[in-house]
């Protein structure tokens, strides 16, 4: 299957395959849409089953970044990159310097930041070869995970207000899937607001540490989707809302940080049909990129987090629009985002 035939290809402007034999780098950079500005998006390192899986992931992720930046009101387009490899085994300074050179070749059309499997330090290593990096410690806003978690927390509050008519989380049960950087920070925000937190992670020791820190209840990773909860917060990898897990869900709200939570677009309507309120992932998890957009010598954390907090109001607008139009929240979010960016014109139309 060619790139153009891939179901996840959505008139992407540029897809670059980069290889460096000396370091072992195998990477794909996808730029979806730059009508609002140059592309900004994280780099993910994952041990993909094959190149086709990596391509599908980067295409979906980069498209999501276009929509995310549009709804966050940011002057950026959508881009993303993936490195094929095991982040526990295959990292090296040479690998990340090679990735930096791959970014540099694009001449500023794409700026790279951290994502799953990639740390701020890894991005800083890329920065030895390119100035087109974001979210770094020196001169930047640093690790975007706390901001992402804060945005998800505010999004959960919006969903609870819309669905349950509650203006706080006291006594609300939230099942968090994933105890990584974002999931751990989210659990702290939730616990501080009085929520009853359930936590699960494929790394059980990590989940235990978070559970101990915030007095959460530890749940087996295989059971967290079906846990009795008001909110299910997926904060691990995407595709979690598929036919099987949709049937198992007992929560009335799905609101978490994971990208591409819907295994297929039709699952947005399927959630609506079941009466489950879905906070579209690229809206609720935009805190990281919003925080990065404020970085620079005059970075003001309180101002940046105030901007992140507006995710709450954006989601309320999407929920209301969906209700008025009788469509899923996923469709309502797409419509609102598409009002804010321009789709590339087909070549034939451009030449006319």
C-alpha atoms as a PDB file:
ATOM      1  CA  UNK A   1       0.000   0.000   0.000  1.00  0.00           C
ATOM      2  CA  UNK A   2       1.349   3.439  -0.941  1.00  0.00           C
ATOM      3  CA  UNK A   3       1.279   6.454   1.338  1.00  0.00           C
ATOM      4  CA  UNK A   4      -1.508   7.995  -0.746  1.00  0.00           C
ATOM      5  CA  UNK A   5      -3.653   4.870  -0.447  1.00  0.00           C
ATOM      6  CA  UNK A   6      -3.277   4.663   3.322  1.00  0.00           C
ATOM      7  CA  UNK A   7      -6.684   5.131   5.032  1.00  0.00           C
ATOM      8  CA  UNK A   8      -5.039   7.620   7.427  1.00  0.00           C
ATOM      9  CA  UNK A   9      -3.712   9.811   4.608  1.00  0.00           C
ATOM     10  CA  UNK A  10      -5.703  13.055   4.664  1.00  0.00           C
ATOM     11  CA  UNK A  11      -4.174  15.285   1.984  1.00  0.00           C
ATOM     12  CA  UNK A  12      -0.958  15.503   3.994  1.00  0.00           C
ATOM     13  CA  UNK A  13       1.386  18.126   2.598  1.00  0.00           C
ATOM     14  CA  UNK A  14       4.575  16.172   3.197  1.00  0.00           C
ATOM     15  CA  UNK A  15       5.630  12.726   4.434  1.00  0.00           C
ATOM     16  CA  UNK A  16       9.360  12.143   4.870  1.00  0.00           C
ATOM     17  CA  UNK A  17      11.073   8.814   5.505  1.00  0.00           C
ATOM     18  CA  UNK A  18      14.490   9.225   7.102  1.00  0.00           C
ATOM     19  CA  UNK A  19      17.160   6.578   7.623  1.00  0.00           C
ATOM     20  CA  UNK A  20      20.657   6.763   9.085  1.00  0.00           C
ATOM     21  CA  UNK A  21      22.608   3.530   8.864  1.00  0.00           C
ATOM     22  CA  UNK A  22      25.307   4.522  11.354  1.00  0.00           C
ATOM     23  CA  UNK A  23      22.914   5.274  14.229  1.00  0.00           C
ATOM     24  CA  UNK A  24      20.143   2.878  13.207  1.00  0.00           C
ATOM     25  CA  UNK A  25      17.591   5.668  12.800  1.00  0.00           C
ATOM     26  CA  UNK A  26      14.396   4.735  10.987  1.00  0.00           C
ATOM     27  CA  UNK A  27      11.931   7.599  11.235  1.00  0.00           C
ATOM     28  CA  UNK A  28       8.902   9.100   9.539  1.00  0.00           C
ATOM     29  CA  UNK A  29       7.967  12.785   9.703  1.00  0.00           C
ATOM     30  CA  UNK A  30       4.442  13.730   8.599  1.00  0.00           C
ATOM     31  CA  UNK A  31       3.279  17.298   7.990  1.00  0.00           C
ATOM     32  CA  UNK A  32      -0.485  17.435   7.624  1.00  0.00           C
ATOM     33  CA  UNK A  33      -1.481  21.070   7.181  1.00  0.00           C
ATOM     34  CA  UNK A  34       0.383  24.373   7.560  1.00  0.00           C
ATOM     35  CA  UNK A  35      -2.365  26.853   6.688  1.00  0.00           C
ATOM     36  CA  UNK A  36      -2.207  28.314  10.233  1.00  0.00           C
ATOM     37  CA  UNK A  37       1.603  28.234  10.431  1.00  0.00           C
ATOM     38  CA  UNK A  38       4.573  25.846  10.512  1.00  0.00           C
ATOM     39  CA  UNK A  39       3.932  22.389  11.898  1.00  0.00           C
ATOM     40  CA  UNK A  40       4.633  21.659  15.555  1.00  0.00           C
ATOM     41  CA  UNK A  41       4.312  18.222  17.109  1.00  0.00           C
ATOM     42  CA  UNK A  42       6.051  15.624  19.204  1.00  0.00           C
ATOM     43  CA  UNK A  43       8.282  12.737  18.247  1.00  0.00           C
ATOM     44  CA  UNK A  44       7.177   9.290  19.382  1.00  0.00           C
ATOM     45  CA  UNK A  45       9.538   6.310  19.737  1.00  0.00           C
ATOM     46  CA  UNK A  46       7.823   2.949  19.668  1.00  0.00           C
ATOM     47  CA  UNK A  47       8.613  -0.638  18.765  1.00  0.00           C
ATOM     48  CA  UNK A  48       6.062  -0.798  15.939  1.00  0.00           C
ATOM     49  CA  UNK A  49       5.162  -4.170  14.466  1.00  0.00           C
ATOM     50  CA  UNK A  50       6.163  -2.929  11.019  1.00  0.00           C
ATOM     51  CA  UNK A  51       6.579   0.188   8.911  1.00  0.00           C
ATOM     52  CA  UNK A  52       2.908   0.173   7.932  1.00  0.00           C
ATOM     53  CA  UNK A  53       1.880   0.491  11.586  1.00  0.00           C
ATOM     54  CA  UNK A  54       4.351   3.341  12.087  1.00  0.00           C
ATOM     55  CA  UNK A  55       3.066   5.136   8.989  1.00  0.00           C
ATOM     56  CA  UNK A  56      -0.573   4.826  10.016  1.00  0.00           C
ATOM     57  CA  UNK A  57       0.271   6.157  13.480  1.00  0.00           C
ATOM     58  CA  UNK A  58       2.234   9.195  12.298  1.00  0.00           C
ATOM     59  CA  UNK A  59      -0.436  10.098   9.739  1.00  0.00           C
ATOM     60  CA  UNK A  60      -3.213   9.986  12.344  1.00  0.00           C
ATOM     61  CA  UNK A  61      -1.128  11.831  14.925  1.00  0.00           C
ATOM     62  CA  UNK A  62      -0.107  14.628  12.563  1.00  0.00           C
ATOM     63  CA  UNK A  63      -3.698  15.174  11.433  1.00  0.00           C
ATOM     64  CA  UNK A  64      -4.714  15.392  15.086  1.00  0.00           C
ATOM     65  CA  UNK A  65      -2.132  18.114  15.650  1.00  0.00           C
ATOM     66  CA  UNK A  66      -3.696  20.281  12.933  1.00  0.00           C
ATOM     67  CA  UNK A  67      -7.064  20.053  14.654  1.00  0.00           C
ATOM     68  CA  UNK A  68      -5.518  20.459  18.102  1.00  0.00           C
ATOM     69  CA  UNK A  69      -3.697  23.683  17.245  1.00  0.00           C
ATOM     70  CA  UNK A  70      -6.757  25.082  15.480  1.00  0.00           C
ATOM     71  CA  UNK A  71      -9.027  24.556  18.478  1.00  0.00           C
ATOM     72  CA  UNK A  72      -6.367  25.873  20.863  1.00  0.00           C
ATOM     73  CA  UNK A  73      -6.136  29.048  18.786  1.00  0.00           C
ATOM     74  CA  UNK A  74      -2.438  28.551  18.065  1.00  0.00           C
ATOM     75  CA  UNK A  75      -0.531  29.804  14.992  1.00  0.00           C
ATOM     76  CA  UNK A  76       0.756  26.331  14.138  1.00  0.00           C
ATOM     77  CA  UNK A  77       0.022  23.587  11.695  1.00  0.00           C
ATOM     78  CA  UNK A  78      -0.075  19.881  12.324  1.00  0.00           C
ATOM     79  CA  UNK A  79       2.964  17.643  12.239  1.00  0.00           C
ATOM     80  CA  UNK A  80       4.301  14.612  14.044  1.00  0.00           C
ATOM     81  CA  UNK A  81       7.203  12.198  13.819  1.00  0.00           C
ATOM     82  CA  UNK A  82       7.880   8.628  14.866  1.00  0.00           C
ATOM     83  CA  UNK A  83      11.082   6.691  15.402  1.00  0.00           C
ATOM     84  CA  UNK A  84      10.814   2.950  14.922  1.00  0.00           C
ATOM     85  CA  UNK A  85      12.599   1.269  17.806  1.00  0.00           C
ATOM     86  CA  UNK A  86      12.431   0.144  21.401  1.00  0.00           C
ATOM     87  CA  UNK A  87      12.875   3.190  23.678  1.00  0.00           C
ATOM     88  CA  UNK A  88      14.137   0.923  26.450  1.00  0.00           C
ATOM     89  CA  UNK A  89      16.931  -0.514  24.279  1.00  0.00           C
ATOM     90  CA  UNK A  90      17.636   1.461  21.141  1.00  0.00           C
ATOM     91  CA  UNK A  91      18.234   5.024  22.296  1.00  0.00           C
ATOM     92  CA  UNK A  92      21.601   6.672  21.749  1.00  0.00           C
ATOM     93  CA  UNK A  93      22.926  10.220  21.366  1.00  0.00           C
ATOM     94  CA  UNK A  94      23.845   9.402  17.760  1.00  0.00           C
ATOM     95  CA  UNK A  95      20.268   8.319  17.034  1.00  0.00           C
ATOM     96  CA  UNK A  96      18.814  11.600  18.281  1.00  0.00           C
ATOM     97  CA  UNK A  97      21.414  13.706  16.556  1.00  0.00           C
ATOM     98  CA  UNK A  98      20.499  11.925  13.326  1.00  0.00           C
ATOM     99  CA  UNK A  99      16.846  12.719  14.019  1.00  0.00           C
ATOM    100  CA  UNK A 100      17.802  16.339  14.570  1.00  0.00           C
ATOM    101  CA  UNK A 101      19.466  16.433  11.160  1.00  0.00           C
ATOM    102  CA  UNK A 102      16.313  14.972   9.597  1.00  0.00           C
ATOM    103  CA  UNK A 103      14.284  17.784  11.160  1.00  0.00           C
ATOM    104  CA  UNK A 104      16.819  20.408  10.103  1.00  0.00           C
ATOM    105  CA  UNK A 105      16.571  19.369   6.448  1.00  0.00           C
ATOM    106  CA  UNK A 106      12.920  20.475   6.478  1.00  0.00           C
ATOM    107  CA  UNK A 107      14.049  24.073   6.993  1.00  0.00           C
ATOM    108  CA  UNK A 108      11.622  25.014   9.758  1.00  0.00           C
ATOM    109  CA  UNK A 109       8.423  23.602   8.296  1.00  0.00           C
ATOM    110  CA  UNK A 110       8.357  21.206  11.280  1.00  0.00           C
ATOM    111  CA  UNK A 111       9.402  21.744  14.902  1.00  0.00           C
ATOM    112  CA  UNK A 112       9.872  18.657  17.069  1.00  0.00           C
ATOM    113  CA  UNK A 113       9.041  18.115  20.752  1.00  0.00           C
ATOM    114  CA  UNK A 114       8.767  15.122  23.099  1.00  0.00           C
ATOM    115  CA  UNK A 115       6.091  12.432  23.002  1.00  0.00           C
ATOM    116  CA  UNK A 116       5.673   8.816  24.104  1.00  0.00           C
ATOM    117  CA  UNK A 117       9.051   7.145  24.489  1.00  0.00           C
ATOM    118  CA  UNK A 118      10.956  10.409  24.100  1.00  0.00           C
ATOM    119  CA  UNK A 119      12.233  12.595  26.937  1.00  0.00           C
ATOM    120  CA  UNK A 120      13.086  16.274  27.097  1.00  0.00           C
ATOM    121  CA  UNK A 121      16.741  15.230  27.205  1.00  0.00           C
ATOM    122  CA  UNK A 122      16.300  13.296  23.946  1.00  0.00           C
ATOM    123  CA  UNK A 123      14.846  16.382  22.274  1.00  0.00           C
ATOM    124  CA  UNK A 124      17.742  18.448  23.593  1.00  0.00           C
ATOM    125  CA  UNK A 125      20.099  15.975  21.915  1.00  0.00           C
ATOM    126  CA  UNK A 126      18.214  16.554  18.641  1.00  0.00           C
ATOM    127  CA  UNK A 127      18.740  20.248  19.303  1.00  0.00           C
ATOM    128  CA  UNK A 128      22.470  19.788  18.817  1.00  0.00           C
ATOM    129  CA  UNK A 129      21.700  19.424  15.104  1.00  0.00           C
ATOM    130  CA  UNK A 130      18.659  21.676  14.663  1.00  0.00           C
ATOM    131  CA  UNK A 131      17.194  24.785  16.252  1.00  0.00           C
ATOM    132  CA  UNK A 132      13.694  23.556  15.392  1.00  0.00           C
ATOM    133  CA  UNK A 133      12.995  21.957  18.777  1.00  0.00           C
ATOM    134  CA  UNK A 134      10.459  22.886  21.450  1.00  0.00           C
ATOM    135  CA  UNK A 135       9.703  21.996  25.048  1.00  0.00           C
ATOM    136  CA  UNK A 136      13.358  21.871  26.088  1.00  0.00           C
ATOM    137  CA  UNK A 137      14.727  22.873  29.474  1.00  0.00           C
ATOM    138  CA  UNK A 138      17.153  25.558  28.348  1.00  0.00           C
ATOM    139  CA  UNK A 139      15.221  28.595  27.139  1.00  0.00           C
ATOM    140  CA  UNK A 140      12.013  26.618  26.770  1.00  0.00           C
ATOM    141  CA  UNK A 141       8.941  25.676  28.734  1.00  0.00           C
ATOM    142  CA  UNK A 142      10.398  22.297  29.719  1.00  0.00           C
ATOM    143  CA  UNK A 143       8.509  19.032  30.078  1.00  0.00           C
ATOM    144  CA  UNK A 144       4.963  19.597  28.715  1.00  0.00           C
ATOM    145  CA  UNK A 145       3.483  16.696  30.726  1.00  0.00           C
ATOM    146  CA  UNK A 146       2.264  18.766  33.713  1.00  0.00           C
ATOM    147  CA  UNK A 147       0.501  21.185  31.354  1.00  0.00           C
ATOM    148  CA  UNK A 148      -1.062  18.319  29.408  1.00  0.00           C
ATOM    149  CA  UNK A 149      -2.296  16.786  32.658  1.00  0.00           C
ATOM    150  CA  UNK A 150      -3.720  20.112  33.835  1.00  0.00           C
ATOM    151  CA  UNK A 151      -5.629  20.482  30.581  1.00  0.00           C
ATOM    152  CA  UNK A 152      -7.059  16.973  30.929  1.00  0.00           C
ATOM    153  CA  UNK A 153      -8.052  17.747  34.519  1.00  0.00           C
ATOM    154  CA  UNK A 154      -9.867  20.891  33.376  1.00  0.00           C
ATOM    155  CA  UNK A 155     -11.476  18.903  30.573  1.00  0.00           C
ATOM    156  CA  UNK A 156     -12.723  16.284  33.007  1.00  0.00           C
ATOM    157  CA  UNK A 157     -14.242  19.055  35.084  1.00  0.00           C
ATOM    158  CA  UNK A 158     -16.040  20.349  31.980  1.00  0.00           C
ATOM    159  CA  UNK A 159     -17.344  16.873  31.109  1.00  0.00           C
ATOM    160  CA  UNK A 160     -18.531  16.258  34.675  1.00  0.00           C
ATOM    161  CA  UNK A 161     -20.292  19.641  34.701  1.00  0.00           C
ATOM    162  CA  UNK A 162     -22.049  18.886  31.397  1.00  0.00           C
ATOM    163  CA  UNK A 163     -22.928  15.255  32.094  1.00  0.00           C
ATOM    164  CA  UNK A 164     -23.439  15.184  35.838  1.00  0.00           C
ATOM    165  CA  UNK A 165     -24.254  18.804  36.635  1.00  0.00           C
ATOM    166  CA  UNK A 166     -21.367  18.985  39.117  1.00  0.00           C
ATOM    167  CA  UNK A 167     -18.980  21.926  39.515  1.00  0.00           C
ATOM    168  CA  UNK A 168     -16.356  19.929  41.424  1.00  0.00           C
ATOM    169  CA  UNK A 169     -14.991  16.386  41.462  1.00  0.00           C
ATOM    170  CA  UNK A 170     -15.573  15.528  45.111  1.00  0.00           C
ATOM    171  CA  UNK A 171     -16.703  11.907  45.239  1.00  0.00           C
ATOM    172  CA  UNK A 172     -16.486  11.484  41.445  1.00  0.00           C
ATOM    173  CA  UNK A 173     -14.707   8.236  40.532  1.00  0.00           C
ATOM    174  CA  UNK A 174     -12.106   8.516  37.768  1.00  0.00           C
ATOM    175  CA  UNK A 175     -10.416   5.414  36.321  1.00  0.00           C
ATOM    176  CA  UNK A 176      -7.023   6.458  34.945  1.00  0.00           C
ATOM    177  CA  UNK A 177      -5.377   4.113  32.457  1.00  0.00           C
ATOM    178  CA  UNK A 178      -1.664   4.878  32.394  1.00  0.00           C
ATOM    179  CA  UNK A 179       0.639   6.073  35.169  1.00  0.00           C
ATOM    180  CA  UNK A 180       3.278   7.729  33.004  1.00  0.00           C
ATOM    181  CA  UNK A 181       4.244  11.392  33.199  1.00  0.00           C
ATOM    182  CA  UNK A 182       0.814  12.718  32.215  1.00  0.00           C
ATOM    183  CA  UNK A 183      -1.213  10.071  34.053  1.00  0.00           C
ATOM    184  CA  UNK A 184       0.704  10.568  37.290  1.00  0.00           C
ATOM    185  CA  UNK A 185       0.286  14.349  37.221  1.00  0.00           C
ATOM    186  CA  UNK A 186      -3.399  13.950  36.359  1.00  0.00           C
ATOM    187  CA  UNK A 187      -3.941  11.685  39.369  1.00  0.00           C
ATOM    188  CA  UNK A 188      -2.490  14.372  41.627  1.00  0.00           C
ATOM    189  CA  UNK A 189      -4.826  17.036  40.240  1.00  0.00           C
ATOM    190  CA  UNK A 190      -7.812  14.716  40.587  1.00  0.00           C
ATOM    191  CA  UNK A 191      -6.982  13.624  44.129  1.00  0.00           C
ATOM    192  CA  UNK A 192      -6.427  17.214  45.219  1.00  0.00           C
ATOM    193  CA  UNK A 193      -9.932  18.045  43.958  1.00  0.00           C
ATOM    194  CA  UNK A 194     -11.467  15.218  46.002  1.00  0.00           C
ATOM    195  CA  UNK A 195     -11.989  12.635  43.246  1.00  0.00           C
ATOM    196  CA  UNK A 196     -11.786   8.920  43.971  1.00  0.00           C
ATOM    197  CA  UNK A 197      -8.965   7.760  41.719  1.00  0.00           C
ATOM    198  CA  UNK A 198      -8.442   4.296  40.252  1.00  0.00           C
ATOM    199  CA  UNK A 199      -5.081   3.695  38.551  1.00  0.00           C
ATOM    200  CA  UNK A 200      -3.650   0.984  36.290  1.00  0.00           C
ATOM    201  CA  UNK A 201      -0.527   0.671  34.165  1.00  0.00           C
ATOM    202  CA  UNK A 202       1.298  -2.094  32.287  1.00  0.00           C
ATOM    203  CA  UNK A 203       4.184  -1.252  34.633  1.00  0.00           C
ATOM    204  CA  UNK A 204       2.540  -2.341  37.878  1.00  0.00           C
ATOM    205  CA  UNK A 205       5.350  -0.941  40.049  1.00  0.00           C
ATOM    206  CA  UNK A 206       4.834   2.486  38.515  1.00  0.00           C
ATOM    207  CA  UNK A 207       1.092   2.248  39.135  1.00  0.00           C
ATOM    208  CA  UNK A 208       1.769   1.243  42.742  1.00  0.00           C
ATOM    209  CA  UNK A 209       3.948   4.322  43.280  1.00  0.00           C
ATOM    210  CA  UNK A 210       1.265   6.650  41.948  1.00  0.00           C
ATOM    211  CA  UNK A 211      -1.432   4.881  43.971  1.00  0.00           C
ATOM    212  CA  UNK A 212       0.654   5.332  47.113  1.00  0.00           C
ATOM    213  CA  UNK A 213       1.384   8.994  46.376  1.00  0.00           C
ATOM    214  CA  UNK A 214      -2.263  10.025  45.870  1.00  0.00           C
ATOM    215  CA  UNK A 215      -4.082   7.367  47.898  1.00  0.00           C
ATOM    216  CA  UNK A 216      -5.609   5.868  44.734  1.00  0.00           C
ATOM    217  CA  UNK A 217      -6.960   2.356  44.329  1.00  0.00           C
ATOM    218  CA  UNK A 218      -4.798   0.043  42.250  1.00  0.00           C
ATOM    219  CA  UNK A 219      -6.657  -1.818  39.489  1.00  0.00           C
ATOM    220  CA  UNK A 220      -5.402  -4.582  37.226  1.00  0.00           C
ATOM    221  CA  UNK A 221      -4.480  -3.252  33.793  1.00  0.00           C
ATOM    222  CA  UNK A 222      -6.903  -5.677  32.142  1.00  0.00           C
ATOM    223  CA  UNK A 223      -9.805  -4.452  34.279  1.00  0.00           C
ATOM    224  CA  UNK A 224      -9.445  -0.665  34.195  1.00  0.00           C
ATOM    225  CA  UNK A 225     -11.595  -0.157  31.069  1.00  0.00           C
ATOM    226  CA  UNK A 226     -14.516  -2.004  32.684  1.00  0.00           C
ATOM    227  CA  UNK A 227     -14.094  -0.446  36.134  1.00  0.00           C
ATOM    228  CA  UNK A 228     -17.155   0.998  37.842  1.00  0.00           C
ATOM    229  CA  UNK A 229     -16.415   4.690  37.485  1.00  0.00           C
ATOM    230  CA  UNK A 230     -17.952   8.000  36.454  1.00  0.00           C
ATOM    231  CA  UNK A 231     -15.042   8.858  34.171  1.00  0.00           C
ATOM    232  CA  UNK A 232     -12.666   6.669  32.166  1.00  0.00           C
ATOM    233  CA  UNK A 233      -9.420   8.559  31.480  1.00  0.00           C
ATOM    234  CA  UNK A 234      -7.227   6.792  28.890  1.00  0.00           C
ATOM    235  CA  UNK A 235      -3.689   8.148  29.305  1.00  0.00           C
ATOM    236  CA  UNK A 236      -1.672   5.491  27.495  1.00  0.00           C
ATOM    237  CA  UNK A 237      -1.559   4.609  23.782  1.00  0.00           C
ATOM    238  CA  UNK A 238      -4.380   5.189  21.325  1.00  0.00           C
ATOM    239  CA  UNK A 239      -7.052   2.965  19.823  1.00  0.00           C
ATOM    240  CA  UNK A 240      -8.476   2.023  23.199  1.00  0.00           C
ATOM    241  CA  UNK A 241     -12.098   2.708  22.213  1.00  0.00           C
ATOM    242  CA  UNK A 242     -12.790  -0.228  19.916  1.00  0.00           C
ATOM    243  CA  UNK A 243     -15.788  -2.537  19.613  1.00  0.00           C
ATOM    244  CA  UNK A 244     -14.647  -4.806  22.448  1.00  0.00           C
ATOM    245  CA  UNK A 245     -13.815  -2.075  24.952  1.00  0.00           C
ATOM    246  CA  UNK A 246     -16.855  -0.009  24.035  1.00  0.00           C
ATOM    247  CA  UNK A 247     -19.036  -2.912  25.159  1.00  0.00           C
ATOM    248  CA  UNK A 248     -17.078  -3.170  28.428  1.00  0.00           C
ATOM    249  CA  UNK A 249     -17.193   0.507  29.393  1.00  0.00           C
ATOM    250  CA  UNK A 250     -19.213   1.291  32.504  1.00  0.00           C
ATOM    251  CA  UNK A 251     -18.228   4.945  32.813  1.00  0.00           C
ATOM    252  CA  UNK A 252     -20.523   7.628  31.451  1.00  0.00           C
ATOM    253  CA  UNK A 253     -17.625   9.867  30.388  1.00  0.00           C
ATOM    254  CA  UNK A 254     -14.454   9.199  28.402  1.00  0.00           C
ATOM    255  CA  UNK A 255     -11.885  11.959  28.933  1.00  0.00           C
ATOM    256  CA  UNK A 256      -8.144  11.346  28.897  1.00  0.00           C
ATOM    257  CA  UNK A 257      -4.809  12.376  27.422  1.00  0.00           C
ATOM    258  CA  UNK A 258      -4.147   9.535  24.955  1.00  0.00           C
ATOM    259  CA  UNK A 259      -3.975  10.473  21.280  1.00  0.00           C
ATOM    260  CA  UNK A 260      -6.270   8.765  18.765  1.00  0.00           C
ATOM    261  CA  UNK A 261      -8.455   7.142  21.415  1.00  0.00           C
ATOM    262  CA  UNK A 262     -11.055   6.074  18.841  1.00  0.00           C
ATOM    263  CA  UNK A 263      -9.928   2.946  17.006  1.00  0.00           C
ATOM    264  CA  UNK A 264     -12.063   4.087  14.066  1.00  0.00           C
ATOM    265  CA  UNK A 265     -13.970   7.338  13.438  1.00  0.00           C
ATOM    266  CA  UNK A 266     -17.297   5.474  13.754  1.00  0.00           C
ATOM    267  CA  UNK A 267     -16.600   4.878  17.441  1.00  0.00           C
ATOM    268  CA  UNK A 268     -17.362   8.537  18.170  1.00  0.00           C
ATOM    269  CA  UNK A 269     -20.956   7.946  17.092  1.00  0.00           C
ATOM    270  CA  UNK A 270     -20.970   4.596  18.893  1.00  0.00           C
ATOM    271  CA  UNK A 271     -20.115   6.355  22.166  1.00  0.00           C
ATOM    272  CA  UNK A 272     -22.955   8.810  21.582  1.00  0.00           C
ATOM    273  CA  UNK A 273     -25.356   5.947  20.867  1.00  0.00           C
ATOM    274  CA  UNK A 274     -24.481   4.437  24.238  1.00  0.00           C
ATOM    275  CA  UNK A 275     -25.023   7.751  26.017  1.00  0.00           C
ATOM    276  CA  UNK A 276     -21.328   8.127  26.853  1.00  0.00           C
ATOM    277  CA  UNK A 277     -19.938  11.668  26.733  1.00  0.00           C
ATOM    278  CA  UNK A 278     -16.611  11.770  24.880  1.00  0.00           C
ATOM    279  CA  UNK A 279     -14.134  14.616  25.298  1.00  0.00           C
ATOM    280  CA  UNK A 280     -12.341  14.552  21.901  1.00  0.00           C
ATOM    281  CA  UNK A 281      -8.713  13.665  22.515  1.00  0.00           C
ATOM    282  CA  UNK A 282      -7.048  16.388  20.474  1.00  0.00           C
ATOM    283  CA  UNK A 283      -9.062  19.008  22.385  1.00  0.00           C
ATOM    284  CA  UNK A 284      -8.556  17.792  25.933  1.00  0.00           C
ATOM    285  CA  UNK A 285      -4.862  16.894  25.567  1.00  0.00           C
ATOM    286  CA  UNK A 286      -3.757  20.202  24.012  1.00  0.00           C
ATOM    287  CA  UNK A 287      -2.187  21.528  27.221  1.00  0.00           C
ATOM    288  CA  UNK A 288       1.331  20.524  26.255  1.00  0.00           C
ATOM    289  CA  UNK A 289       1.396  22.344  22.942  1.00  0.00           C
ATOM    290  CA  UNK A 290      -0.339  25.353  24.469  1.00  0.00           C
ATOM    291  CA  UNK A 291       2.378  25.516  27.129  1.00  0.00           C
ATOM    292  CA  UNK A 292       5.086  25.198  24.473  1.00  0.00           C
ATOM    293  CA  UNK A 293       3.509  28.064  22.525  1.00  0.00           C
ATOM    294  CA  UNK A 294       4.301  30.366  25.451  1.00  0.00           C
ATOM    295  CA  UNK A 295       7.953  29.399  25.766  1.00  0.00           C
ATOM    296  CA  UNK A 296      10.741  31.914  25.351  1.00  0.00           C
ATOM    297  CA  UNK A 297      12.755  34.273  27.541  1.00  0.00           C
ATOM    298  CA  UNK A 298       9.545  35.832  28.924  1.00  0.00           C
ATOM    299  CA  UNK A 299       7.823  32.523  29.690  1.00  0.00           C
ATOM    300  CA  UNK A 300       5.175  33.000  32.397  1.00  0.00           C
ATOM    301  CA  UNK A 301       3.868  29.730  33.797  1.00  0.00           C
ATOM    302  CA  UNK A 302       0.744  31.254  35.307  1.00  0.00           C
ATOM    303  CA  UNK A 303      -0.168  32.873  31.984  1.00  0.00           C
ATOM    304  CA  UNK A 304       0.542  29.658  30.089  1.00  0.00           C
ATOM    305  CA  UNK A 305      -1.531  27.513  32.453  1.00  0.00           C
ATOM    306  CA  UNK A 306      -4.315  30.090  32.330  1.00  0.00           C
ATOM    307  CA  UNK A 307      -4.407  29.522  28.574  1.00  0.00           C
ATOM    308  CA  UNK A 308      -4.405  25.749  29.127  1.00  0.00           C
ATOM    309  CA  UNK A 309      -7.359  26.140  31.471  1.00  0.00           C
ATOM    310  CA  UNK A 310      -9.480  27.451  28.605  1.00  0.00           C
ATOM    311  CA  UNK A 311      -9.711  23.870  27.352  1.00  0.00           C
ATOM    312  CA  UNK A 312     -12.595  23.675  29.847  1.00  0.00           C
ATOM    313  CA  UNK A 313     -14.632  26.279  27.954  1.00  0.00           C
ATOM    314  CA  UNK A 314     -13.729  24.920  24.515  1.00  0.00           C
ATOM    315  CA  UNK A 315     -15.055  21.506  25.499  1.00  0.00           C
ATOM    316  CA  UNK A 316     -18.268  22.976  26.895  1.00  0.00           C
ATOM    317  CA  UNK A 317     -18.802  24.721  23.549  1.00  0.00           C
ATOM    318  CA  UNK A 318     -18.243  21.424  21.704  1.00  0.00           C
ATOM    319  CA  UNK A 319     -20.638  19.543  23.990  1.00  0.00           C
ATOM    320  CA  UNK A 320     -23.334  22.164  23.438  1.00  0.00           C
ATOM    321  CA  UNK A 321     -22.803  22.207  19.687  1.00  0.00           C
ATOM    322  CA  UNK A 322     -23.068  18.431  19.570  1.00  0.00           C
ATOM    323  CA  UNK A 323     -26.308  18.520  21.550  1.00  0.00           C
ATOM    324  CA  UNK A 324     -27.826  21.197  19.332  1.00  0.00           C
ATOM    325  CA  UNK A 325     -26.847  19.464  16.084  1.00  0.00           C
ATOM    326  CA  UNK A 326     -27.613  15.942  17.293  1.00  0.00           C
ATOM    327  CA  UNK A 327     -24.138  14.729  16.325  1.00  0.00           C
ATOM    328  CA  UNK A 328     -21.315  13.076  18.216  1.00  0.00           C
ATOM    329  CA  UNK A 329     -18.871  15.262  20.111  1.00  0.00           C
ATOM    330  CA  UNK A 330     -16.122  13.932  17.820  1.00  0.00           C
ATOM    331  CA  UNK A 331     -17.950  15.299  14.779  1.00  0.00           C
ATOM    332  CA  UNK A 332     -18.765  18.576  16.511  1.00  0.00           C
ATOM    333  CA  UNK A 333     -15.088  19.064  17.382  1.00  0.00           C
ATOM    334  CA  UNK A 334     -13.995  18.329  13.812  1.00  0.00           C
ATOM    335  CA  UNK A 335     -16.497  20.840  12.437  1.00  0.00           C
ATOM    336  CA  UNK A 336     -15.349  23.562  14.817  1.00  0.00           C
ATOM    337  CA  UNK A 337     -11.668  22.916  14.067  1.00  0.00           C
ATOM    338  CA  UNK A 338     -12.254  22.914  10.321  1.00  0.00           C
ATOM    339  CA  UNK A 339     -13.808  26.359  10.607  1.00  0.00           C
ATOM    340  CA  UNK A 340     -10.402  27.521  11.822  1.00  0.00           C
ATOM    341  CA  UNK A 341      -8.034  26.061   9.243  1.00  0.00           C
ATOM    342  CA  UNK A 342      -8.017  25.677   5.492  1.00  0.00           C
ATOM    343  CA  UNK A 343      -7.917  22.294   3.812  1.00  0.00           C
ATOM    344  CA  UNK A 344      -5.387  22.060   0.979  1.00  0.00           C
ATOM    345  CA  UNK A 345      -7.040  22.400  -2.403  1.00  0.00           C
ATOM    346  CA  UNK A 346      -6.770  19.447  -4.789  1.00  0.00           C
ATOM    347  CA  UNK A 347      -4.070  19.953  -7.415  1.00  0.00           C
ATOM    348  CA  UNK A 348      -6.618  20.185 -10.254  1.00  0.00           C
ATOM    349  CA  UNK A 349      -8.533  22.935  -8.487  1.00  0.00           C
ATOM    350  CA  UNK A 350      -5.357  24.838  -7.663  1.00  0.00           C
ATOM    351  CA  UNK A 351      -4.321  24.808 -11.303  1.00  0.00           C
ATOM    352  CA  UNK A 352      -7.715  26.029 -12.548  1.00  0.00           C
END
